[in-house]
Amino acid sequence: MAEQREEELRQYSERSGYAMAVHSSCLNHSIIQGKRLEVANLFDIRQAKGENLKSYLTRFDNVTVLVNDPDQKFFVKAFLKGLPTGQFSDALALRQLSNMKEIRTRAKKHIEAEEDLVNQLEVKHQPLVTQEMKQGTSRGVKR
């Protein structure tokens, strides 16, 4: 269990830059020592540039289980603070959600929309031959 957490924190620090690496080093030390974290530690977690929402949510959730005071309102505030400015963070802020369950529900819908968009873009950018093979046509002639 501790090895898995160490690996997650290593990946976390690689994605998030130097400041986050220092923070994750402290988190890693706390995990190894069996110490609990403070709510304030959550406010240092940020969604890294290029990191998808699903990965950020998973990373955030993995750290919340180590926090001494599991007050949902602080979890929500820290999660929102870590999101980059954008449509999703704006929508969450307007809704004034009170717990992580509500955020996970909203995030799940947003993640599905992100994944659908990625799939659509992949199909759109496939070579014409590959698209024709999937559709069962060759040079515009149905078989």
C-alpha atoms as a PDB file:
ATOM      1  CA  MET A   1       0.000   0.000   0.000  1.00  0.00           C
ATOM      2  CA  ALA A   2       2.765   2.438   0.942  1.00  0.00           C
ATOM      3  CA  GLU A   3       4.688   1.499  -2.230  1.00  0.00           C
ATOM      4  CA  GLN A   4       1.651   2.317  -4.371  1.00  0.00           C
ATOM      5  CA  ARG A   5       1.268   5.683  -2.621  1.00  0.00           C
ATOM      6  CA  GLU A   6       4.983   6.397  -3.121  1.00  0.00           C
ATOM      7  CA  GLU A   7       4.655   5.674  -6.846  1.00  0.00           C
ATOM      8  CA  GLU A   8       1.575   7.916  -7.141  1.00  0.00           C
ATOM      9  CA  LEU A   9       3.356  10.725  -5.344  1.00  0.00           C
ATOM     10  CA  ARG A  10       6.439  10.284  -7.544  1.00  0.00           C
ATOM     11  CA  GLN A  11       4.280  10.642 -10.651  1.00  0.00           C
ATOM     12  CA  TYR A  12       2.489  13.560  -9.021  1.00  0.00           C
ATOM     13  CA  SER A  13       5.729  15.433  -8.431  1.00  0.00           C
ATOM     14  CA  GLU A  14       6.970  14.781 -11.983  1.00  0.00           C
ATOM     15  CA  ARG A  15       3.796  16.292 -13.472  1.00  0.00           C
ATOM     16  CA  SER A  16       3.523  19.270 -11.194  1.00  0.00           C
ATOM     17  CA  GLY A  17       6.937  20.944 -11.222  1.00  0.00           C
ATOM     18  CA  TYR A  18       9.489  21.801  -8.570  1.00  0.00           C
ATOM     19  CA  ALA A  19       7.177  23.332  -5.961  1.00  0.00           C
ATOM     20  CA  MET A  20       4.900  20.341  -6.129  1.00  0.00           C
ATOM     21  CA  ALA A  21       7.902  17.995  -5.973  1.00  0.00           C
ATOM     22  CA  VAL A  22       8.937  19.552  -2.674  1.00  0.00           C
ATOM     23  CA  HIS A  23       5.376  19.230  -1.393  1.00  0.00           C
ATOM     24  CA  SER A  24       5.063  15.619  -2.557  1.00  0.00           C
ATOM     25  CA  SER A  25       8.353  14.840  -0.849  1.00  0.00           C
ATOM     26  CA  CYS A  26       6.769  16.017   2.408  1.00  0.00           C
ATOM     27  CA  LEU A  27       3.646  13.989   1.631  1.00  0.00           C
ATOM     28  CA  ASN A  28       5.777  10.962   0.848  1.00  0.00           C
ATOM     29  CA  HIS A  29       7.649  11.353   4.141  1.00  0.00           C
ATOM     30  CA  SER A  30       4.337  11.587   6.010  1.00  0.00           C
ATOM     31  CA  ILE A  31       3.074   8.405   4.379  1.00  0.00           C
ATOM     32  CA  ILE A  32       6.236   6.465   5.168  1.00  0.00           C
ATOM     33  CA  GLN A  33       6.176   7.677   8.778  1.00  0.00           C
ATOM     34  CA  GLY A  34       2.476   6.828   9.088  1.00  0.00           C
ATOM     35  CA  LYS A  35       1.624  10.457   9.841  1.00  0.00           C
ATOM     36  CA  ARG A  36      -1.630  12.099   8.917  1.00  0.00           C
ATOM     37  CA  LEU A  37      -1.715  15.236   6.785  1.00  0.00           C
ATOM     38  CA  GLU A  38      -3.267  18.591   7.506  1.00  0.00           C
ATOM     39  CA  VAL A  39      -6.085  20.071   5.425  1.00  0.00           C
ATOM     40  CA  ALA A  40      -3.663  22.847   4.418  1.00  0.00           C
ATOM     41  CA  ASN A  41      -1.642  20.275   2.442  1.00  0.00           C
ATOM     42  CA  LEU A  42      -4.589  19.828   0.077  1.00  0.00           C
ATOM     43  CA  PHE A  43      -4.393  23.463  -1.031  1.00  0.00           C
ATOM     44  CA  ASP A  44      -0.991  22.776  -2.623  1.00  0.00           C
ATOM     45  CA  ILE A  45      -2.370  20.147  -4.996  1.00  0.00           C
ATOM     46  CA  ARG A  46      -2.903  21.516  -8.501  1.00  0.00           C
ATOM     47  CA  GLN A  47      -4.066  20.038 -11.773  1.00  0.00           C
ATOM     48  CA  ALA A  48      -0.915  19.944 -13.875  1.00  0.00           C
ATOM     49  CA  LYS A  49      -0.793  21.407 -17.360  1.00  0.00           C
ATOM     50  CA  GLY A  50      -1.855  18.663 -19.752  1.00  0.00           C
ATOM     51  CA  GLU A  51      -3.239  16.479 -16.961  1.00  0.00           C
ATOM     52  CA  ASN A  52      -6.803  15.320 -17.493  1.00  0.00           C
ATOM     53  CA  LEU A  53      -9.528  15.819 -14.911  1.00  0.00           C
ATOM     54  CA  LYS A  54      -9.794  12.098 -14.166  1.00  0.00           C
ATOM     55  CA  SER A  55      -6.129  11.892 -13.188  1.00  0.00           C
ATOM     56  CA  TYR A  56      -6.303  15.047 -11.061  1.00  0.00           C
ATOM     57  CA  LEU A  57      -9.419  13.832  -9.239  1.00  0.00           C
ATOM     58  CA  THR A  58      -7.778  10.459  -8.530  1.00  0.00           C
ATOM     59  CA  ARG A  59      -4.606  12.108  -7.215  1.00  0.00           C
ATOM     60  CA  PHE A  60      -6.619  14.471  -5.034  1.00  0.00           C
ATOM     61  CA  ASP A  61      -8.770  11.649  -3.625  1.00  0.00           C
ATOM     62  CA  ASN A  62      -5.675   9.571  -2.821  1.00  0.00           C
ATOM     63  CA  VAL A  63      -4.309  12.365  -0.649  1.00  0.00           C
ATOM     64  CA  THR A  64      -7.613  13.209   1.080  1.00  0.00           C
ATOM     65  CA  VAL A  65      -7.666   9.824   2.799  1.00  0.00           C
ATOM     66  CA  LEU A  66      -4.509  10.864   4.672  1.00  0.00           C
ATOM     67  CA  VAL A  67      -5.958  14.077   6.117  1.00  0.00           C
ATOM     68  CA  ASN A  68      -6.564  14.411   9.859  1.00  0.00           C
ATOM     69  CA  ASP A  69      -9.755  16.445   9.668  1.00  0.00           C
ATOM     70  CA  PRO A  70     -11.992  15.084   6.893  1.00  0.00           C
ATOM     71  CA  ASP A  71     -14.123  18.227   6.611  1.00  0.00           C
ATOM     72  CA  GLN A  72     -15.766  18.118   3.189  1.00  0.00           C
ATOM     73  CA  LYS A  73     -16.047  21.886   2.810  1.00  0.00           C
ATOM     74  CA  PHE A  74     -12.237  22.197   2.934  1.00  0.00           C
ATOM     75  CA  PHE A  75     -11.814  19.297   0.509  1.00  0.00           C
ATOM     76  CA  VAL A  76     -14.157  21.064  -1.931  1.00  0.00           C
ATOM     77  CA  LYS A  77     -12.342  24.400  -1.582  1.00  0.00           C
ATOM     78  CA  ALA A  78      -8.923  22.796  -2.032  1.00  0.00           C
ATOM     79  CA  PHE A  79     -10.076  20.806  -5.071  1.00  0.00           C
ATOM     80  CA  LEU A  80     -11.537  23.919  -6.717  1.00  0.00           C
ATOM     81  CA  LYS A  81      -8.387  25.912  -5.975  1.00  0.00           C
ATOM     82  CA  GLY A  82      -6.314  23.266  -7.748  1.00  0.00           C
ATOM     83  CA  LEU A  83      -8.350  23.402 -10.954  1.00  0.00           C
ATOM     84  CA  PRO A  84      -7.201  25.648 -13.775  1.00  0.00           C
ATOM     85  CA  THR A  85      -9.566  28.440 -14.758  1.00  0.00           C
ATOM     86  CA  GLY A  86     -12.039  27.180 -17.312  1.00  0.00           C
ATOM     87  CA  GLN A  87     -15.555  26.099 -18.086  1.00  0.00           C
ATOM     88  CA  PHE A  88     -15.578  23.189 -15.621  1.00  0.00           C
ATOM     89  CA  SER A  89     -14.145  25.135 -12.672  1.00  0.00           C
ATOM     90  CA  ASP A  90     -16.526  28.026 -13.369  1.00  0.00           C
ATOM     91  CA  ALA A  91     -19.519  25.666 -13.446  1.00  0.00           C
ATOM     92  CA  LEU A  92     -18.499  24.097 -10.121  1.00  0.00           C
ATOM     93  CA  ALA A  93     -17.990  27.484  -8.484  1.00  0.00           C
ATOM     94  CA  LEU A  94     -21.455  28.645  -9.549  1.00  0.00           C
ATOM     95  CA  ARG A  95     -23.111  25.551  -8.074  1.00  0.00           C
ATOM     96  CA  GLN A  96     -21.560  26.012  -4.618  1.00  0.00           C
ATOM     97  CA  LEU A  97     -21.147  22.288  -4.018  1.00  0.00           C
ATOM     98  CA  SER A  98     -20.741  21.183  -0.422  1.00  0.00           C
ATOM     99  CA  ASN A  99     -19.009  17.798  -0.643  1.00  0.00           C
ATOM    100  CA  MET A 100     -16.687  15.722  -2.806  1.00  0.00           C
ATOM    101  CA  LYS A 101     -19.462  13.321  -3.791  1.00  0.00           C
ATOM    102  CA  GLU A 102     -21.217  16.164  -5.619  1.00  0.00           C
ATOM    103  CA  ILE A 103     -17.947  17.139  -7.301  1.00  0.00           C
ATOM    104  CA  ARG A 104     -17.280  13.534  -8.364  1.00  0.00           C
ATOM    105  CA  THR A 105     -20.763  13.360  -9.923  1.00  0.00           C
ATOM    106  CA  ARG A 106     -20.152  16.553 -11.918  1.00  0.00           C
ATOM    107  CA  ALA A 107     -16.607  15.503 -12.764  1.00  0.00           C
ATOM    108  CA  LYS A 108     -17.767  12.111 -14.060  1.00  0.00           C
ATOM    109  CA  LYS A 109     -20.034  13.836 -16.587  1.00  0.00           C
ATOM    110  CA  HIS A 110     -17.260  16.201 -17.616  1.00  0.00           C
ATOM    111  CA  ILE A 111     -14.751  13.336 -17.931  1.00  0.00           C
ATOM    112  CA  GLU A 112     -17.154  11.418 -20.178  1.00  0.00           C
ATOM    113  CA  ALA A 113     -17.551  14.513 -22.367  1.00  0.00           C
ATOM    114  CA  GLU A 114     -13.736  14.942 -22.518  1.00  0.00           C
ATOM    115  CA  GLU A 115     -13.270  11.292 -23.507  1.00  0.00           C
ATOM    116  CA  ASP A 116     -16.000  11.513 -26.164  1.00  0.00           C
ATOM    117  CA  LEU A 117     -14.330  14.582 -27.637  1.00  0.00           C
ATOM    118  CA  VAL A 118     -10.953  12.837 -27.718  1.00  0.00           C
ATOM    119  CA  ASN A 119     -12.524   9.827 -29.460  1.00  0.00           C
ATOM    120  CA  GLN A 120     -14.221  12.068 -32.023  1.00  0.00           C
ATOM    121  CA  LEU A 121     -10.965  13.881 -32.738  1.00  0.00           C
ATOM    122  CA  GLU A 122      -9.112  10.582 -33.143  1.00  0.00           C
ATOM    123  CA  VAL A 123     -11.670   9.351 -35.676  1.00  0.00           C
ATOM    124  CA  LYS A 124     -11.611  12.672 -37.496  1.00  0.00           C
ATOM    125  CA  HIS A 125      -7.819  12.566 -37.844  1.00  0.00           C
ATOM    126  CA  GLN A 126      -7.521   8.939 -38.946  1.00  0.00           C
ATOM    127  CA  PRO A 127      -6.289   8.396 -42.485  1.00  0.00           C
ATOM    128  CA  LEU A 128      -9.102   8.098 -45.039  1.00  0.00           C
ATOM    129  CA  VAL A 129      -8.230   4.446 -45.746  1.00  0.00           C
ATOM    130  CA  THR A 130      -8.736   3.493 -42.080  1.00  0.00           C
ATOM    131  CA  GLN A 131     -12.082   5.309 -41.953  1.00  0.00           C
ATOM    132  CA  GLU A 132     -13.236   3.550 -45.140  1.00  0.00           C
ATOM    133  CA  MET A 133     -12.256   0.157 -43.733  1.00  0.00           C
ATOM    134  CA  LYS A 134     -14.339   0.793 -40.619  1.00  0.00           C
ATOM    135  CA  GLN A 135     -17.296   1.885 -42.731  1.00  0.00           C
ATOM    136  CA  GLY A 136     -16.940  -1.060 -45.120  1.00  0.00           C
ATOM    137  CA  THR A 137     -16.263   1.059 -48.193  1.00  0.00           C
ATOM    138  CA  SER A 138     -13.387   1.375 -50.586  1.00  0.00           C
ATOM    139  CA  ARG A 139     -13.039   4.493 -52.716  1.00  0.00           C
ATOM    140  CA  GLY A 140     -16.611   5.439 -51.935  1.00  0.00           C
ATOM    141  CA  VAL A 141     -18.129   2.134 -53.196  1.00  0.00           C
ATOM    142  CA  LYS A 142     -20.173   0.166 -50.634  1.00  0.00           C
ATOM    143  CA  ARG A 143     -19.541  -3.539 -50.551  1.00  0.00           C
END
